[in-house]
Amino acid sequence: MDHLPGRAAAALSRVDVPWPVRWDELASVVEDLSALVRRGPGARVVAQELAGVLVAAAQDREHRVALSGLVDRVLDLHAVACLAEPPDGRGLASWLLWLQTGFAEPPEVRLAPYASSLGEDGLACYRAEAVVRFERLPVIGFGETGRYDRERWALLRLMEELAEHSGDVDLVVSVLSKDLSSGWHYSRVATVLRDAGRSEEALEWVERGLVATGGRGAAVRLVDLGVDACVREGWVERAVELRRRAFLACPGVETYRRLRGAASAWGDWPAVRADVLDRVGDGMDEALLQVVEVESDGDSRA
């Protein structure tokens, strides 16, 4: 082991020495690493070994916060050292994956500083392995309480960083769709796809969410998302149908007014109204009945 990682390991092992004294030694080691990185090539392996020593020590709850700060600094220096002394991209990818998944309390690694050192091959390797491991995690189904163990948290954090760095919508969807415990989670996926211009897929997630929620909870938000996606694409008949189904699933004043707005703009409101009111029959509550009666009186006077 290089003298800097060795010094850090020795300071950490001296439990008979007060923590402030050990902290000063660790901070000195990191400063010496910084000087070594500034001198150019030759610091990459040292920084990598020192990061491993500090991450392992940071598993101790007593000094976790203090050591985590040092870990972040060492990782920044390691990323700089990789630029001066390019590593094998695949090897760097494997090490970064190990660092983030091999500990109970892994560090948060930012991909951007490592991107050029990883190169296309290394980043592809990193992504492929991360996706394979993430896909093995079970999906949290509607109404379930998810168990977020160490592996799930680590892989979730890793995938979120990868998705943010790459801007890949499919990765974002993959991350979000691992937790479908409520209608709100379905709406998040649909929103991402709608905003990416993938309206057909957004509507598929809206439909899945409506089935899962049974028209309750986040169903209003889901229908709004679906209607918005339809309008963007000019699918006005589908927009009216979404509103019609929403009303029939939950006949009330608000769903009625939203249906009326859509059918008046893009459909045949009198025909739609006659159809839905016939289907609801005596199932209207007092508030809705009053709205319908007032509207019918207005039509007759017209």
Foldseek 3Di string as FASTA:
>chain_A
DDPLLVQLLVLLPPPVDDPVVSLVSNVVSLVVLLVVLVVFADSQVVLLSNLVSLLVSLLPVVCVVVSLVSSVSSLLSNLSNCVRPQDALQVVLVSVLCQLQVDLDHHQDACVSNDVSNDPVSLVNNVVVLVVQQVPQAAQAAQGDDDCHSRNVSSLSVLVNNCVVVVDLVSVLSSLRSYHHALVSLLVNLVSCLVVVNLVVSLVSLVVSCVSQQLDDCNVVSLVSNLVSCVVVVVLVVNLVSLLVSCLSPPDDVSVVVSQVSCVVRHPNVVSVVVSCVVCPPVYDPRNVVVVVVVVVVVVVD
